[in-house]
């Protein structure tokens, strides 16, 4: 399990950086003034300059991607779906919140934190429902093939 977790973390780290870059590109396009917004201005102020802010955000994006990918091994356990979901949600929340807070991806206020958690929970729920629905459909298809005798175990 440790080897599988580490491998997934190594794969997830560059994915985290890629997603972070895609988000900054999307934000820059949305602003529409021709500038590239690599990081939020508050992070530049915290880090002293833009290069330090980008380096810190890249490192945190590596950690973010690794944490999410590593947490995916929870889905490979024989735990109940409820236990897997709650454990995965807690692990990802604990990894995500400090990064989002220190990268200033959320407003540093009670309202900002509540808004962040609301968005996080909403996005998590949508992804979970999509995965659950897709898995349920695949199971139904396999069961139908097994009933018809056209499914050969490999």
N, C-alpha and C. Protein backbone atom coordinates (compact mmCIF):
# COMPACT_ATOMS: atom_id res chain seq x y z
N UNK A 1 0.82 -1.20 0.00
CA UNK A 1 0.00 0.00 0.00
C UNK A 1 0.87 1.26 0.00
N UNK A 2 1.99 1.24 0.75
CA UNK A 2 2.86 2.41 0.79
C UNK A 2 3.47 2.69 -0.58
N UNK A 3 3.88 1.62 -1.26
CA UNK A 3 4.49 1.78 -2.59
C UNK A 3 3.47 2.35 -3.57
N UNK A 4 2.24 1.85 -3.51
CA UNK A 4 1.18 2.33 -4.39
C UNK A 4 0.88 3.80 -4.10
N UNK A 5 0.84 4.17 -2.83
CA UNK A 5 0.58 5.55 -2.44
C UNK A 5 1.68 6.48 -2.95
N UNK A 6 2.93 6.07 -2.76
CA UNK A 6 4.06 6.90 -3.21
C UNK A 6 4.05 7.06 -4.73
N UNK A 7 3.76 5.98 -5.45
CA UNK A 7 3.71 6.05 -6.90
C UNK A 7 2.62 7.02 -7.35
N UNK A 8 1.47 6.93 -6.73
CA UNK A 8 0.39 7.85 -7.09
C UNK A 8 0.75 9.29 -6.74
N UNK A 9 1.43 9.49 -5.61
CA UNK A 9 1.87 10.84 -5.25
C UNK A 9 2.82 11.41 -6.29
N UNK A 10 3.75 10.56 -6.76
CA UNK A 10 4.71 11.01 -7.78
C UNK A 10 4.02 11.35 -9.10
N UNK A 11 2.98 10.61 -9.42
CA UNK A 11 2.22 10.91 -10.64
C UNK A 11 1.36 12.16 -10.44
N UNK A 12 0.77 12.29 -9.26
CA UNK A 12 -0.14 13.40 -8.98
C UNK A 12 0.54 14.74 -8.85
N UNK A 13 1.79 14.76 -8.42
CA UNK A 13 2.49 16.04 -8.21
C UNK A 13 2.55 16.88 -9.48
N UNK A 14 3.02 16.35 -10.61
CA UNK A 14 3.03 17.20 -11.81
C UNK A 14 1.62 17.51 -12.32
N UNK A 15 0.67 16.65 -12.04
CA UNK A 15 -0.71 16.95 -12.41
C UNK A 15 -1.19 18.18 -11.63
N UNK A 16 -0.82 18.25 -10.35
CA UNK A 16 -1.18 19.41 -9.53
C UNK A 16 -0.62 20.70 -10.10
N UNK A 17 0.61 20.67 -10.56
CA UNK A 17 1.22 21.86 -11.17
C UNK A 17 0.51 22.21 -12.47
N UNK A 18 0.19 21.20 -13.26
CA UNK A 18 -0.50 21.44 -14.53
C UNK A 18 -1.87 22.06 -14.30
N UNK A 19 -2.62 21.52 -13.35
CA UNK A 19 -3.95 22.07 -13.04
C UNK A 19 -3.81 23.51 -12.55
N UNK A 20 -2.85 23.75 -11.69
CA UNK A 20 -2.62 25.10 -11.17
C UNK A 20 -2.31 26.07 -12.31
N UNK A 21 -1.47 25.66 -13.24
CA UNK A 21 -1.15 26.50 -14.38
C UNK A 21 -2.38 26.77 -15.24
N UNK A 22 -3.18 25.74 -15.47
CA UNK A 22 -4.39 25.91 -16.27
C UNK A 22 -5.36 26.88 -15.59
N UNK A 23 -5.44 26.83 -14.28
CA UNK A 23 -6.30 27.76 -13.54
C UNK A 23 -5.81 29.19 -13.70
N UNK A 24 -4.49 29.39 -13.60
CA UNK A 24 -3.96 30.75 -13.75
C UNK A 24 -4.18 31.27 -15.16
N UNK A 25 -4.08 30.40 -16.15
CA UNK A 25 -4.36 30.81 -17.53
C UNK A 25 -5.83 31.19 -17.67
N UNK A 26 -6.72 30.36 -17.11
CA UNK A 26 -8.16 30.65 -17.19
C UNK A 26 -8.49 31.97 -16.49
N UNK A 27 -7.90 32.20 -15.34
CA UNK A 27 -8.14 33.46 -14.63
C UNK A 27 -7.63 34.64 -15.46
N UNK A 28 -6.44 34.50 -16.02
CA UNK A 28 -5.87 35.58 -16.83
C UNK A 28 -6.74 35.87 -18.04
N UNK A 29 -7.27 34.83 -18.68
CA UNK A 29 -8.16 35.03 -19.83
C UNK A 29 -9.47 35.69 -19.39
N UNK A 30 -9.96 35.31 -18.22
CA UNK A 30 -11.21 35.86 -17.72
C UNK A 30 -11.08 37.35 -17.41
N UNK A 31 -9.94 37.73 -16.82
CA UNK A 31 -9.72 39.15 -16.53
C UNK A 31 -9.71 39.94 -17.84
N UNK A 32 -9.06 39.39 -18.86
CA UNK A 32 -9.13 39.95 -20.20
C UNK A 32 -8.38 41.23 -20.45
N UNK A 33 -7.35 41.52 -19.67
CA UNK A 33 -6.61 42.76 -19.91
C UNK A 33 -5.24 42.51 -20.57
N UNK A 34 -5.01 41.28 -21.02
CA UNK A 34 -3.76 40.95 -21.70
C UNK A 34 -2.61 40.61 -20.77
N UNK A 35 -2.83 40.66 -19.47
CA UNK A 35 -1.79 40.32 -18.50
C UNK A 35 -1.92 38.86 -18.07
N UNK A 36 -0.80 38.26 -17.66
CA UNK A 36 -0.82 36.91 -17.11
C UNK A 36 -0.74 37.02 -15.59
N UNK A 37 -1.72 36.47 -14.91
CA UNK A 37 -1.78 36.52 -13.45
C UNK A 37 -1.36 35.16 -12.91
N UNK A 38 -0.06 35.02 -12.64
CA UNK A 38 0.49 33.75 -12.17
C UNK A 38 0.09 33.44 -10.74
N UNK A 39 -0.03 34.47 -9.93
CA UNK A 39 -0.40 34.32 -8.51
C UNK A 39 -1.24 35.52 -8.10
N UNK A 40 -1.90 35.41 -6.98
CA UNK A 40 -2.68 36.54 -6.49
C UNK A 40 -1.74 37.61 -5.94
N UNK A 41 -2.10 38.87 -6.09
CA UNK A 41 -1.22 39.96 -5.63
C UNK A 41 -0.84 39.86 -4.15
N UNK A 42 -1.76 39.38 -3.32
CA UNK A 42 -1.45 39.26 -1.89
C UNK A 42 -0.30 38.29 -1.63
N UNK A 43 -0.21 37.24 -2.45
CA UNK A 43 0.89 36.28 -2.28
C UNK A 43 2.22 36.92 -2.67
N UNK A 44 2.19 37.76 -3.69
CA UNK A 44 3.42 38.47 -4.08
C UNK A 44 3.88 39.34 -2.92
N UNK A 45 2.95 40.04 -2.30
CA UNK A 45 3.30 40.89 -1.15
C UNK A 45 3.85 40.05 0.00
N UNK A 46 3.22 38.88 0.25
CA UNK A 46 3.70 38.00 1.33
C UNK A 46 5.11 37.48 1.06
N UNK A 47 5.41 37.18 -0.21
CA UNK A 47 6.69 36.56 -0.58
C UNK A 47 7.78 37.56 -0.94
N UNK A 48 7.44 38.81 -1.07
CA UNK A 48 8.44 39.82 -1.38
C UNK A 48 8.59 40.13 -2.85
N UNK A 49 8.35 39.15 -3.70
CA UNK A 49 8.40 39.39 -5.14
C UNK A 49 7.64 38.28 -5.87
N UNK A 50 7.41 38.51 -7.17
CA UNK A 50 6.59 37.59 -7.95
C UNK A 50 7.27 36.23 -8.15
N UNK A 51 8.60 36.23 -8.34
CA UNK A 51 9.32 34.97 -8.55
C UNK A 51 9.18 34.07 -7.33
N UNK A 52 9.39 34.61 -6.16
CA UNK A 52 9.25 33.81 -4.94
C UNK A 52 7.81 33.30 -4.79
N UNK A 53 6.85 34.13 -5.13
CA UNK A 53 5.44 33.73 -5.02
C UNK A 53 5.13 32.59 -5.98
N UNK A 54 5.63 32.68 -7.21
CA UNK A 54 5.40 31.63 -8.20
C UNK A 54 6.09 30.34 -7.77
N UNK A 55 7.30 30.44 -7.26
CA UNK A 55 8.02 29.24 -6.77
C UNK A 55 7.24 28.58 -5.63
N UNK A 56 6.77 29.37 -4.69
CA UNK A 56 6.02 28.82 -3.56
C UNK A 56 4.71 28.19 -4.05
N UNK A 57 4.02 28.86 -4.95
CA UNK A 57 2.77 28.31 -5.46
C UNK A 57 3.02 27.01 -6.24
N UNK A 58 4.10 26.95 -6.98
CA UNK A 58 4.44 25.73 -7.72
C UNK A 58 4.72 24.58 -6.76
N UNK A 59 5.49 24.85 -5.71
CA UNK A 59 5.77 23.82 -4.70
C UNK A 59 4.47 23.35 -4.04
N UNK A 60 3.63 24.28 -3.68
CA UNK A 60 2.35 23.93 -3.05
C UNK A 60 1.44 23.17 -4.01
N UNK A 61 1.50 23.51 -5.29
CA UNK A 61 0.71 22.79 -6.28
C UNK A 61 1.21 21.36 -6.45
N UNK A 62 2.53 21.17 -6.35
CA UNK A 62 3.09 19.81 -6.35
C UNK A 62 2.54 19.01 -5.17
N UNK A 63 2.57 19.62 -4.00
CA UNK A 63 2.06 18.95 -2.79
C UNK A 63 0.57 18.68 -2.90
N UNK A 64 -0.16 19.63 -3.43
CA UNK A 64 -1.61 19.52 -3.60
C UNK A 64 -1.95 18.33 -4.50
N UNK A 65 -1.28 18.26 -5.64
CA UNK A 65 -1.52 17.15 -6.57
C UNK A 65 -1.11 15.81 -5.99
N UNK A 66 0.02 15.79 -5.29
CA UNK A 66 0.49 14.55 -4.67
C UNK A 66 -0.48 14.09 -3.59
N UNK A 67 -0.99 15.01 -2.80
CA UNK A 67 -1.92 14.64 -1.72
C UNK A 67 -3.20 14.04 -2.29
N UNK A 68 -3.76 14.67 -3.30
CA UNK A 68 -5.00 14.15 -3.89
C UNK A 68 -4.79 12.80 -4.55
N UNK A 69 -3.69 12.67 -5.28
CA UNK A 69 -3.40 11.39 -5.95
C UNK A 69 -3.11 10.30 -4.92
N UNK A 70 -2.34 10.65 -3.90
CA UNK A 70 -2.04 9.67 -2.84
C UNK A 70 -3.29 9.23 -2.10
N UNK A 71 -4.20 10.17 -1.89
CA UNK A 71 -5.45 9.85 -1.18
C UNK A 71 -6.34 8.91 -1.98
N UNK A 72 -6.09 8.80 -3.27
CA UNK A 72 -6.92 7.92 -4.10
C UNK A 72 -6.79 6.45 -3.71
N UNK A 73 -5.73 6.09 -3.00
CA UNK A 73 -5.61 4.68 -2.57
C UNK A 73 -6.71 4.31 -1.58
N UNK A 74 -7.32 5.29 -0.97
CA UNK A 74 -8.43 5.02 -0.05
C UNK A 74 -9.56 4.32 -0.80
N UNK A 75 -9.71 4.66 -2.06
CA UNK A 75 -10.77 4.04 -2.89
C UNK A 75 -10.48 2.57 -3.19
N UNK A 76 -9.25 2.13 -2.98
CA UNK A 76 -8.88 0.75 -3.26
C UNK A 76 -9.04 -0.17 -2.04
N UNK A 77 -9.50 0.37 -0.95
CA UNK A 77 -9.68 -0.44 0.26
C UNK A 77 -10.99 -1.22 0.18
N UNK A 78 -11.15 -2.14 1.08
CA UNK A 78 -12.41 -2.90 1.13
C UNK A 78 -13.37 -2.29 2.15
N UNK A 79 -13.16 -1.03 2.49
CA UNK A 79 -14.04 -0.33 3.40
C UNK A 79 -15.39 -0.08 2.72
N UNK A 80 -16.36 0.27 3.53
CA UNK A 80 -17.67 0.63 2.98
C UNK A 80 -17.52 1.93 2.18
N UNK A 81 -18.46 2.15 1.27
CA UNK A 81 -18.43 3.37 0.46
C UNK A 81 -18.49 4.61 1.34
N UNK A 82 -19.29 4.57 2.40
CA UNK A 82 -19.40 5.71 3.32
C UNK A 82 -18.06 5.99 3.99
N UNK A 83 -17.40 4.95 4.50
CA UNK A 83 -16.12 5.14 5.18
C UNK A 83 -15.06 5.65 4.20
N UNK A 84 -15.03 5.10 2.99
CA UNK A 84 -14.08 5.57 1.99
C UNK A 84 -14.31 7.05 1.68
N UNK A 85 -15.57 7.41 1.48
CA UNK A 85 -15.90 8.79 1.11
C UNK A 85 -15.53 9.77 2.23
N UNK A 86 -15.91 9.44 3.44
CA UNK A 86 -15.64 10.33 4.57
C UNK A 86 -14.13 10.45 4.81
N UNK A 87 -13.42 9.32 4.78
CA UNK A 87 -11.97 9.34 4.99
C UNK A 87 -11.28 10.15 3.89
N UNK A 88 -11.67 9.90 2.64
CA UNK A 88 -11.08 10.63 1.52
C UNK A 88 -11.37 12.13 1.64
N UNK A 89 -12.59 12.47 1.97
CA UNK A 89 -12.96 13.88 2.13
C UNK A 89 -12.14 14.55 3.24
N UNK A 90 -11.98 13.86 4.36
CA UNK A 90 -11.20 14.43 5.47
C UNK A 90 -9.74 14.61 5.08
N UNK A 91 -9.13 13.56 4.50
CA UNK A 91 -7.72 13.64 4.11
C UNK A 91 -7.52 14.78 3.11
N UNK A 92 -8.36 14.84 2.10
CA UNK A 92 -8.21 15.89 1.09
C UNK A 92 -8.48 17.28 1.66
N UNK A 93 -9.43 17.40 2.55
CA UNK A 93 -9.71 18.69 3.18
C UNK A 93 -8.53 19.15 4.02
N UNK A 94 -7.97 18.24 4.79
CA UNK A 94 -6.84 18.58 5.66
C UNK A 94 -5.62 18.99 4.83
N UNK A 95 -5.44 18.36 3.67
CA UNK A 95 -4.32 18.72 2.80
C UNK A 95 -4.60 20.00 2.01
N UNK A 96 -5.83 20.20 1.64
CA UNK A 96 -6.20 21.30 0.76
C UNK A 96 -6.30 22.64 1.49
N UNK A 97 -6.93 22.66 2.64
CA UNK A 97 -7.21 23.92 3.32
C UNK A 97 -5.95 24.74 3.62
N UNK A 98 -4.90 24.15 4.23
CA UNK A 98 -3.73 24.99 4.53
C UNK A 98 -3.07 25.56 3.27
N UNK A 99 -3.03 24.76 2.21
CA UNK A 99 -2.44 25.24 0.97
C UNK A 99 -3.26 26.39 0.41
N UNK A 100 -4.57 26.20 0.35
CA UNK A 100 -5.45 27.26 -0.17
C UNK A 100 -5.35 28.52 0.68
N UNK A 101 -5.24 28.35 1.98
CA UNK A 101 -5.15 29.49 2.89
C UNK A 101 -3.85 30.27 2.66
N UNK A 102 -2.73 29.56 2.68
CA UNK A 102 -1.44 30.24 2.57
C UNK A 102 -1.15 30.75 1.16
N UNK A 103 -1.75 30.14 0.15
CA UNK A 103 -1.59 30.63 -1.21
C UNK A 103 -2.55 31.77 -1.51
N UNK A 104 -3.40 32.07 -0.52
CA UNK A 104 -4.39 33.15 -0.62
C UNK A 104 -5.39 32.90 -1.73
N UNK A 105 -5.73 31.61 -1.91
CA UNK A 105 -6.77 31.24 -2.87
C UNK A 105 -8.15 31.48 -2.28
N UNK A 106 -8.18 31.93 -1.03
CA UNK A 106 -9.43 32.27 -0.38
C UNK A 106 -9.21 33.54 0.43
N UNK A 107 -10.28 34.23 0.69
CA UNK A 107 -10.22 35.43 1.52
C UNK A 107 -9.92 35.00 2.96
N UNK A 108 -9.06 35.73 3.63
CA UNK A 108 -8.69 35.42 5.01
C UNK A 108 -9.69 36.03 5.99
N UNK A 109 -10.89 35.47 5.97
CA UNK A 109 -11.95 35.88 6.89
C UNK A 109 -12.85 34.68 7.10
N UNK A 110 -13.73 34.78 8.09
CA UNK A 110 -14.67 33.68 8.34
C UNK A 110 -15.54 33.43 7.11
N UNK A 111 -16.01 34.51 6.49
CA UNK A 111 -16.85 34.37 5.30
C UNK A 111 -16.06 33.73 4.16
N UNK A 112 -14.81 34.12 4.00
CA UNK A 112 -13.96 33.55 2.96
C UNK A 112 -13.73 32.06 3.17
N UNK A 113 -13.50 31.67 4.41
CA UNK A 113 -13.28 30.26 4.73
C UNK A 113 -14.56 29.45 4.52
N UNK A 114 -15.68 29.99 4.96
CA UNK A 114 -16.95 29.29 4.75
C UNK A 114 -17.27 29.17 3.26
N UNK A 115 -17.01 30.24 2.52
CA UNK A 115 -17.23 30.19 1.07
C UNK A 115 -16.33 29.17 0.41
N UNK A 116 -15.08 29.11 0.86
CA UNK A 116 -14.14 28.14 0.31
C UNK A 116 -14.62 26.71 0.59
N UNK A 117 -14.98 26.45 1.84
CA UNK A 117 -15.45 25.10 2.18
C UNK A 117 -16.75 24.76 1.45
N UNK A 118 -17.60 25.75 1.25
CA UNK A 118 -18.83 25.50 0.50
C UNK A 118 -18.53 25.12 -0.94
N UNK A 119 -17.62 25.85 -1.57
CA UNK A 119 -17.23 25.52 -2.94
C UNK A 119 -16.54 24.16 -2.99
N UNK A 120 -15.66 23.93 -2.04
CA UNK A 120 -14.93 22.66 -1.97
C UNK A 120 -15.91 21.50 -1.84
N UNK A 121 -16.85 21.62 -0.90
CA UNK A 121 -17.83 20.55 -0.68
C UNK A 121 -18.73 20.37 -1.90
N UNK A 122 -19.12 21.46 -2.53
CA UNK A 122 -19.96 21.37 -3.72
C UNK A 122 -19.25 20.67 -4.87
N UNK A 123 -18.02 21.07 -5.14
CA UNK A 123 -17.24 20.45 -6.21
C UNK A 123 -16.99 18.97 -5.88
N UNK A 124 -16.65 18.70 -4.63
CA UNK A 124 -16.41 17.32 -4.20
C UNK A 124 -17.67 16.48 -4.41
N UNK A 125 -18.81 17.02 -4.05
CA UNK A 125 -20.08 16.28 -4.20
C UNK A 125 -20.39 16.00 -5.67
N UNK A 126 -20.18 16.97 -6.53
CA UNK A 126 -20.45 16.78 -7.96
C UNK A 126 -19.54 15.68 -8.52
N UNK A 127 -18.27 15.74 -8.19
CA UNK A 127 -17.33 14.72 -8.67
C UNK A 127 -17.69 13.35 -8.11
N UNK A 128 -18.03 13.29 -6.81
CA UNK A 128 -18.40 12.03 -6.19
C UNK A 128 -19.64 11.43 -6.85
N UNK A 129 -20.64 12.24 -7.09
CA UNK A 129 -21.89 11.75 -7.72
C UNK A 129 -21.59 11.24 -9.13
N UNK A 130 -20.75 11.95 -9.87
CA UNK A 130 -20.39 11.52 -11.23
C UNK A 130 -19.67 10.17 -11.20
N UNK A 131 -18.72 10.03 -10.27
CA UNK A 131 -17.99 8.76 -10.16
C UNK A 131 -18.91 7.64 -9.71
N UNK A 132 -19.77 7.91 -8.76
CA UNK A 132 -20.70 6.91 -8.25
C UNK A 132 -21.64 6.44 -9.37
N UNK A 133 -22.16 7.39 -10.13
CA UNK A 133 -23.08 7.06 -11.22
C UNK A 133 -22.37 6.23 -12.29
N UNK A 134 -21.15 6.62 -12.65
CA UNK A 134 -20.39 5.88 -13.67
C UNK A 134 -20.08 4.46 -13.19
N UNK A 135 -19.70 4.32 -11.94
CA UNK A 135 -19.39 2.99 -11.39
C UNK A 135 -20.64 2.13 -11.34
N UNK A 136 -21.72 2.72 -10.92
CA UNK A 136 -22.99 1.97 -10.86
C UNK A 136 -23.40 1.49 -12.26
N UNK A 137 -23.21 2.33 -13.27
CA UNK A 137 -23.53 1.96 -14.65
C UNK A 137 -22.63 0.81 -15.12
N UNK A 138 -21.32 0.89 -14.82
CA UNK A 138 -20.40 -0.18 -15.21
C UNK A 138 -20.78 -1.50 -14.54
N UNK A 139 -21.15 -1.46 -13.28
CA UNK A 139 -21.55 -2.67 -12.57
C UNK A 139 -22.81 -3.25 -13.19
N UNK A 140 -23.75 -2.40 -13.52
CA UNK A 140 -24.99 -2.86 -14.16
C UNK A 140 -24.69 -3.52 -15.50
N UNK A 141 -23.78 -2.94 -16.29
CA UNK A 141 -23.40 -3.51 -17.59
C UNK A 141 -22.72 -4.87 -17.41
N UNK A 142 -21.83 -4.97 -16.43
CA UNK A 142 -21.15 -6.25 -16.17
C UNK A 142 -22.17 -7.30 -15.74
N UNK A 143 -23.08 -6.92 -14.87
CA UNK A 143 -24.11 -7.86 -14.42
C UNK A 143 -24.98 -8.34 -15.58
N UNK A 144 -25.33 -7.43 -16.50
CA UNK A 144 -26.13 -7.83 -17.65
C UNK A 144 -25.36 -8.80 -18.55
N UNK A 145 -24.07 -8.52 -18.75
CA UNK A 145 -23.25 -9.43 -19.55
C UNK A 145 -23.13 -10.79 -18.88
N UNK A 146 -23.00 -10.80 -17.57
CA UNK A 146 -22.88 -12.07 -16.85
C UNK A 146 -24.18 -12.87 -16.96
N UNK A 147 -25.31 -12.20 -16.88
CA UNK A 147 -26.60 -12.87 -17.01
C UNK A 147 -26.79 -13.45 -18.40
N UNK A 148 -26.30 -12.72 -19.40
CA UNK A 148 -26.48 -13.19 -20.78
C UNK A 148 -25.43 -14.24 -21.16
N UNK A 149 -24.42 -14.42 -20.33
CA UNK A 149 -23.39 -15.41 -20.60
C UNK A 149 -22.31 -14.91 -21.52
N UNK A 150 -22.28 -13.61 -21.84
CA UNK A 150 -21.29 -13.09 -22.77
C UNK A 150 -20.09 -12.48 -22.06
N UNK A 151 -20.02 -12.61 -20.77
CA UNK A 151 -18.90 -12.04 -20.01
C UNK A 151 -17.95 -13.16 -19.66
N UNK A 152 -16.72 -13.06 -20.09
CA UNK A 152 -15.71 -14.07 -19.78
C UNK A 152 -14.74 -13.48 -18.76
N UNK A 153 -14.59 -14.14 -17.63
CA UNK A 153 -13.66 -13.68 -16.61
C UNK A 153 -12.23 -13.84 -17.12
N UNK A 154 -11.42 -12.84 -16.86
CA UNK A 154 -10.03 -12.89 -17.33
C UNK A 154 -9.11 -13.17 -16.18
